């Protein structure tokens, strides 16, 4: 069975989105200026290599679709994967055809569609950004693993990863500390 992996850049105060930006994928925001160092770059490369699909909310999709097609040459294999992998997009306002290569809308019931996607053969399904989507997936227990790359930055305000709703108890399964000061905390649901 495929796993849904949520991979987020998070400030020390829990912010995933630039408070002055237009969404989680705002390239001018703190998360894209934060230094993850070579170890963090390798972690993100290995993470994407272990996946073969992306699951994105509308804001993150729009930001990525505007940026990644122009970044493939400078980002090499990583960019080729980002542009080439199938991308499933959760949105009630976007319409097909979507402009970014291999992107399709999830049109039906979110829980049912993602459960079916997890049953298909393949590698991990990564969720980047997409805070509202993450909260929707969390409510249906569809997330297998949370990977939070926490940066030594206090933003002060902005969208937080976990919104209001069902509380979950997680267990820490791995930690990685990088020379840049960033830390990756990996969690699964407790009791799994």
C-alpha atoms as a PDB file:
ATOM      1  CA  UNK A   1       0.000   0.000   0.000  1.00  0.00           C
ATOM      2  CA  UNK A   2       1.247   3.490  -0.868  1.00  0.00           C
ATOM      3  CA  UNK A   3       1.799   6.014   1.895  1.00  0.00           C
ATOM      4  CA  UNK A   4       0.738   9.650   2.019  1.00  0.00           C
ATOM      5  CA  UNK A   5       3.649  11.693   3.352  1.00  0.00           C
ATOM      6  CA  UNK A   6       3.131  15.285   4.465  1.00  0.00           C
ATOM      7  CA  UNK A   7       6.372  17.249   4.132  1.00  0.00           C
ATOM      8  CA  UNK A   8       6.286  20.789   5.492  1.00  0.00           C
ATOM      9  CA  UNK A   9       8.603  23.712   6.151  1.00  0.00           C
ATOM     10  CA  UNK A  10       7.611  25.034   9.586  1.00  0.00           C
ATOM     11  CA  UNK A  11       8.873  27.969  11.649  1.00  0.00           C
ATOM     12  CA  UNK A  12       9.570  27.521  15.363  1.00  0.00           C
ATOM     13  CA  UNK A  13       6.212  29.133  16.074  1.00  0.00           C
ATOM     14  CA  UNK A  14       4.368  26.715  13.778  1.00  0.00           C
ATOM     15  CA  UNK A  15       3.875  28.941  10.723  1.00  0.00           C
ATOM     16  CA  UNK A  16       3.909  27.321   7.281  1.00  0.00           C
ATOM     17  CA  UNK A  17       2.941  30.351   5.224  1.00  0.00           C
ATOM     18  CA  UNK A  18       4.420  33.787   4.808  1.00  0.00           C
ATOM     19  CA  UNK A  19       2.042  36.150   6.646  1.00  0.00           C
ATOM     20  CA  UNK A  20       2.302  38.694   3.828  1.00  0.00           C
ATOM     21  CA  UNK A  21       2.277  36.150   1.024  1.00  0.00           C
ATOM     22  CA  UNK A  22      -0.382  34.751  -1.213  1.00  0.00           C
ATOM     23  CA  UNK A  23      -0.214  31.169  -0.009  1.00  0.00           C
ATOM     24  CA  UNK A  24       1.917  28.303   1.244  1.00  0.00           C
ATOM     25  CA  UNK A  25       3.902  28.287  -1.959  1.00  0.00           C
ATOM     26  CA  UNK A  26       4.788  31.984  -1.903  1.00  0.00           C
ATOM     27  CA  UNK A  27       8.391  31.924  -3.159  1.00  0.00           C
ATOM     28  CA  UNK A  28       9.236  35.227  -1.485  1.00  0.00           C
ATOM     29  CA  UNK A  29       8.223  33.929   1.933  1.00  0.00           C
ATOM     30  CA  UNK A  30      10.399  33.004   4.880  1.00  0.00           C
ATOM     31  CA  UNK A  31      10.428  29.272   4.048  1.00  0.00           C
ATOM     32  CA  UNK A  32      12.158  29.815   0.714  1.00  0.00           C
ATOM     33  CA  UNK A  33      14.712  32.156   2.237  1.00  0.00           C
ATOM     34  CA  UNK A  34      15.490  29.860   5.184  1.00  0.00           C
ATOM     35  CA  UNK A  35      18.803  28.022   4.973  1.00  0.00           C
ATOM     36  CA  UNK A  36      18.395  24.255   5.012  1.00  0.00           C
ATOM     37  CA  UNK A  37      22.023  23.668   3.986  1.00  0.00           C
ATOM     38  CA  UNK A  38      23.431  20.807   1.920  1.00  0.00           C
ATOM     39  CA  UNK A  39      22.097  18.179   4.351  1.00  0.00           C
ATOM     40  CA  UNK A  40      18.586  19.579   4.042  1.00  0.00           C
ATOM     41  CA  UNK A  41      18.904  19.669   0.254  1.00  0.00           C
ATOM     42  CA  UNK A  42      19.967  16.004   0.252  1.00  0.00           C
ATOM     43  CA  UNK A  43      17.053  15.126   2.548  1.00  0.00           C
ATOM     44  CA  UNK A  44      14.571  16.798   0.163  1.00  0.00           C
ATOM     45  CA  UNK A  45      16.204  15.085  -2.846  1.00  0.00           C
ATOM     46  CA  UNK A  46      16.013  11.641  -1.199  1.00  0.00           C
ATOM     47  CA  UNK A  47      12.436  12.294  -0.093  1.00  0.00           C
ATOM     48  CA  UNK A  48      11.317  13.112  -3.635  1.00  0.00           C
ATOM     49  CA  UNK A  49      13.255  10.129  -5.037  1.00  0.00           C
ATOM     50  CA  UNK A  50      11.268   7.820  -2.704  1.00  0.00           C
ATOM     51  CA  UNK A  51       7.988   9.157  -4.129  1.00  0.00           C
ATOM     52  CA  UNK A  52       6.343   8.998  -7.527  1.00  0.00           C
ATOM     53  CA  UNK A  53       3.352  11.320  -7.110  1.00  0.00           C
ATOM     54  CA  UNK A  54       2.391  14.670  -5.604  1.00  0.00           C
ATOM     55  CA  UNK A  55      -0.862  15.615  -3.888  1.00  0.00           C
ATOM     56  CA  UNK A  56      -1.420  19.369  -3.722  1.00  0.00           C
ATOM     57  CA  UNK A  57      -3.975  21.932  -2.647  1.00  0.00           C
ATOM     58  CA  UNK A  58      -4.904  24.757  -5.005  1.00  0.00           C
ATOM     59  CA  UNK A  59      -2.607  27.493  -3.648  1.00  0.00           C
ATOM     60  CA  UNK A  60       0.455  25.275  -3.575  1.00  0.00           C
ATOM     61  CA  UNK A  61      -0.388  23.872  -7.003  1.00  0.00           C
ATOM     62  CA  UNK A  62      -0.718  27.349  -8.500  1.00  0.00           C
ATOM     63  CA  UNK A  63       2.604  28.494  -7.050  1.00  0.00           C
ATOM     64  CA  UNK A  64       4.431  25.343  -8.102  1.00  0.00           C
ATOM     65  CA  UNK A  65       2.846  25.352 -11.588  1.00  0.00           C
ATOM     66  CA  UNK A  66       4.059  28.903 -12.104  1.00  0.00           C
ATOM     67  CA  UNK A  67       7.611  28.155 -10.919  1.00  0.00           C
ATOM     68  CA  UNK A  68       8.720  24.565 -11.580  1.00  0.00           C
ATOM     69  CA  UNK A  69       8.426  24.390 -15.386  1.00  0.00           C
ATOM     70  CA  UNK A  70      10.979  27.218 -15.622  1.00  0.00           C
ATOM     71  CA  UNK A  71      13.268  25.725 -12.946  1.00  0.00           C
ATOM     72  CA  UNK A  72      13.939  22.276 -14.393  1.00  0.00           C
ATOM     73  CA  UNK A  73      17.208  23.180 -16.119  1.00  0.00           C
ATOM     74  CA  UNK A  74      18.728  24.718 -12.986  1.00  0.00           C
ATOM     75  CA  UNK A  75      17.413  22.030 -10.611  1.00  0.00           C
ATOM     76  CA  UNK A  76      18.312  18.974 -12.708  1.00  0.00           C
ATOM     77  CA  UNK A  77      16.870  15.627 -11.695  1.00  0.00           C
ATOM     78  CA  UNK A  78      14.821  17.125  -8.846  1.00  0.00           C
ATOM     79  CA  UNK A  79      13.117  19.530 -11.241  1.00  0.00           C
ATOM     80  CA  UNK A  80      12.545  16.753 -13.775  1.00  0.00           C
ATOM     81  CA  UNK A  81      10.776  14.721 -11.083  1.00  0.00           C
ATOM     82  CA  UNK A  82       8.682  17.687  -9.925  1.00  0.00           C
ATOM     83  CA  UNK A  83       7.568  18.359 -13.483  1.00  0.00           C
ATOM     84  CA  UNK A  84       7.205  14.727 -14.520  1.00  0.00           C
ATOM     85  CA  UNK A  85       5.489  13.097 -11.549  1.00  0.00           C
ATOM     86  CA  UNK A  86       1.701  12.745 -11.639  1.00  0.00           C
ATOM     87  CA  UNK A  87       0.136  15.528  -9.621  1.00  0.00           C
ATOM     88  CA  UNK A  88      -3.319  15.210  -8.069  1.00  0.00           C
ATOM     89  CA  UNK A  89      -4.833  18.569  -7.161  1.00  0.00           C
ATOM     90  CA  UNK A  90      -7.619  19.183  -4.658  1.00  0.00           C
ATOM     91  CA  UNK A  91      -9.623  22.264  -5.610  1.00  0.00           C
ATOM     92  CA  UNK A  92     -13.227  23.289  -5.993  1.00  0.00           C
ATOM     93  CA  UNK A  93     -12.366  26.309  -8.180  1.00  0.00           C
ATOM     94  CA  UNK A  94      -9.809  25.059 -10.714  1.00  0.00           C
ATOM     95  CA  UNK A  95     -10.961  23.463 -13.948  1.00  0.00           C
ATOM     96  CA  UNK A  96      -9.304  20.944 -16.228  1.00  0.00           C
ATOM     97  CA  UNK A  97      -7.225  20.897 -18.239  1.00  0.00           C
ATOM     98  CA  UNK A  98      -4.645  21.989 -15.684  1.00  0.00           C
ATOM     99  CA  UNK A  99      -1.616  23.698 -17.194  1.00  0.00           C
ATOM    100  CA  UNK A 100       1.199  21.914 -15.312  1.00  0.00           C
ATOM    101  CA  UNK A 101       2.347  18.637 -16.889  1.00  0.00           C
ATOM    102  CA  UNK A 102       0.658  15.465 -15.542  1.00  0.00           C
ATOM    103  CA  UNK A 103      -1.778  17.358 -13.284  1.00  0.00           C
ATOM    104  CA  UNK A 104      -5.363  16.237 -12.720  1.00  0.00           C
ATOM    105  CA  UNK A 105      -8.112  17.354 -10.386  1.00  0.00           C
ATOM    106  CA  UNK A 106      -9.567  15.205  -7.660  1.00  0.00           C
ATOM    107  CA  UNK A 107     -13.264  15.648  -8.306  1.00  0.00           C
ATOM    108  CA  UNK A 108     -14.989  13.193  -5.995  1.00  0.00           C
ATOM    109  CA  UNK A 109     -15.083  12.635  -2.266  1.00  0.00           C
ATOM    110  CA  UNK A 110     -11.611  13.466  -0.872  1.00  0.00           C
ATOM    111  CA  UNK A 111     -11.429  10.558   1.576  1.00  0.00           C
ATOM    112  CA  UNK A 112     -12.590   8.025  -1.020  1.00  0.00           C
ATOM    113  CA  UNK A 113     -10.312   9.367  -3.774  1.00  0.00           C
ATOM    114  CA  UNK A 114      -7.209   9.350  -1.568  1.00  0.00           C
ATOM    115  CA  UNK A 115      -7.990   5.908  -0.129  1.00  0.00           C
ATOM    116  CA  UNK A 116      -8.250   4.611  -3.728  1.00  0.00           C
ATOM    117  CA  UNK A 117      -5.005   6.363  -4.692  1.00  0.00           C
ATOM    118  CA  UNK A 118      -3.225   4.707  -1.760  1.00  0.00           C
ATOM    119  CA  UNK A 119      -4.395   1.290  -2.988  1.00  0.00           C
ATOM    120  CA  UNK A 120      -2.754   1.745  -6.406  1.00  0.00           C
ATOM    121  CA  UNK A 121       0.747   0.370  -6.959  1.00  0.00           C
ATOM    122  CA  UNK A 122       3.562   2.846  -6.567  1.00  0.00           C
ATOM    123  CA  UNK A 123       5.851   4.682  -4.202  1.00  0.00           C
ATOM    124  CA  UNK A 124       5.112   7.418  -1.654  1.00  0.00           C
ATOM    125  CA  UNK A 125       2.656  10.227  -2.403  1.00  0.00           C
ATOM    126  CA  UNK A 126       4.062  13.558  -1.184  1.00  0.00           C
ATOM    127  CA  UNK A 127       2.067  16.522   0.052  1.00  0.00           C
ATOM    128  CA  UNK A 128       3.991  19.816   0.090  1.00  0.00           C
ATOM    129  CA  UNK A 129       2.472  22.948   1.635  1.00  0.00           C
ATOM    130  CA  UNK A 130      -1.298  22.685   1.171  1.00  0.00           C
ATOM    131  CA  UNK A 131      -2.282  23.386   4.783  1.00  0.00           C
ATOM    132  CA  UNK A 132      -6.037  23.138   4.214  1.00  0.00           C
ATOM    133  CA  UNK A 133      -5.601  19.846   2.349  1.00  0.00           C
ATOM    134  CA  UNK A 134      -3.397  18.483   5.160  1.00  0.00           C
ATOM    135  CA  UNK A 135      -6.110  19.280   7.693  1.00  0.00           C
ATOM    136  CA  UNK A 136      -8.722  17.562   5.511  1.00  0.00           C
ATOM    137  CA  UNK A 137      -6.544  14.468   5.137  1.00  0.00           C
ATOM    138  CA  UNK A 138      -5.824  14.455   8.862  1.00  0.00           C
ATOM    139  CA  UNK A 139      -9.543  14.443   9.704  1.00  0.00           C
ATOM    140  CA  UNK A 140      -9.910  11.227   7.689  1.00  0.00           C
ATOM    141  CA  UNK A 141      -6.707   9.577   9.037  1.00  0.00           C
ATOM    142  CA  UNK A 142      -5.249   9.435   5.518  1.00  0.00           C
ATOM    143  CA  UNK A 143      -1.765  10.688   6.450  1.00  0.00           C
ATOM    144  CA  UNK A 144       0.786   7.966   7.104  1.00  0.00           C
ATOM    145  CA  UNK A 145       3.694  10.195   8.051  1.00  0.00           C
ATOM    146  CA  UNK A 146       4.385  13.843   8.882  1.00  0.00           C
ATOM    147  CA  UNK A 147       7.859  15.225   8.098  1.00  0.00           C
ATOM    148  CA  UNK A 148       8.255  18.656   9.593  1.00  0.00           C
ATOM    149  CA  UNK A 149      11.409  20.553   8.643  1.00  0.00           C
ATOM    150  CA  UNK A 150      11.536  23.073  11.464  1.00  0.00           C
ATOM    151  CA  UNK A 151      13.665  26.166  10.875  1.00  0.00           C
ATOM    152  CA  UNK A 152      15.164  28.352  13.619  1.00  0.00           C
ATOM    153  CA  UNK A 153      12.934  31.258  12.576  1.00  0.00           C
ATOM    154  CA  UNK A 154      10.117  32.933  14.466  1.00  0.00           C
ATOM    155  CA  UNK A 155       7.677  34.483  12.011  1.00  0.00           C
ATOM    156  CA  UNK A 156       5.202  35.910  14.519  1.00  0.00           C
ATOM    157  CA  UNK A 157       2.044  35.431  12.482  1.00  0.00           C
ATOM    158  CA  UNK A 158       0.725  33.518   9.529  1.00  0.00           C
ATOM    159  CA  UNK A 159      -1.051  30.311   8.685  1.00  0.00           C
ATOM    160  CA  UNK A 160      -0.247  27.442  10.981  1.00  0.00           C
ATOM    161  CA  UNK A 161      -0.043  23.827   9.845  1.00  0.00           C
ATOM    162  CA  UNK A 162      -2.650  22.427  12.194  1.00  0.00           C
ATOM    163  CA  UNK A 163      -5.978  24.193  12.289  1.00  0.00           C
ATOM    164  CA  UNK A 164      -9.002  23.660  14.393  1.00  0.00           C
ATOM    165  CA  UNK A 165     -10.544  20.229  14.400  1.00  0.00           C
ATOM    166  CA  UNK A 166      -9.873  16.774  15.680  1.00  0.00           C
ATOM    167  CA  UNK A 167      -6.898  16.403  17.969  1.00  0.00           C
ATOM    168  CA  UNK A 168      -4.421  13.676  17.067  1.00  0.00           C
ATOM    169  CA  UNK A 169      -1.757  11.987  19.127  1.00  0.00           C
ATOM    170  CA  UNK A 170       1.425  11.426  17.166  1.00  0.00           C
ATOM    171  CA  UNK A 171       4.579   9.486  17.952  1.00  0.00           C
ATOM    172  CA  UNK A 172       8.033  10.669  16.988  1.00  0.00           C
ATOM    173  CA  UNK A 173       9.699   8.090  14.743  1.00  0.00           C
ATOM    174  CA  UNK A 174      12.829   9.930  13.585  1.00  0.00           C
ATOM    175  CA  UNK A 175      14.810  13.143  13.975  1.00  0.00           C
ATOM    176  CA  UNK A 176      17.498  14.679  11.823  1.00  0.00           C
ATOM    177  CA  UNK A 177      19.496  17.765  12.781  1.00  0.00           C
ATOM    178  CA  UNK A 178      21.299  19.765  10.118  1.00  0.00           C
ATOM    179  CA  UNK A 179      24.280  22.090  10.518  1.00  0.00           C
ATOM    180  CA  UNK A 180      22.042  24.926   9.284  1.00  0.00           C
ATOM    181  CA  UNK A 181      20.005  24.647  12.495  1.00  0.00           C
ATOM    182  CA  UNK A 182      17.013  23.090  10.735  1.00  0.00           C
ATOM    183  CA  UNK A 183      15.583  19.922  12.274  1.00  0.00           C
ATOM    184  CA  UNK A 184      13.382  17.310  10.627  1.00  0.00           C
ATOM    185  CA  UNK A 185      10.874  15.718  12.972  1.00  0.00           C
ATOM    186  CA  UNK A 186       9.095  12.662  11.587  1.00  0.00           C
ATOM    187  CA  UNK A 187       5.818  11.543  13.135  1.00  0.00           C
ATOM    188  CA  UNK A 188       3.187   8.858  12.640  1.00  0.00           C
ATOM    189  CA  UNK A 189      -0.151   8.414  14.354  1.00  0.00           C
ATOM    190  CA  UNK A 190       0.312   6.903  17.790  1.00  0.00           C
ATOM    191  CA  UNK A 191      -0.757   3.272  17.988  1.00  0.00           C
ATOM    192  CA  UNK A 192       0.177   2.368  14.410  1.00  0.00           C
END
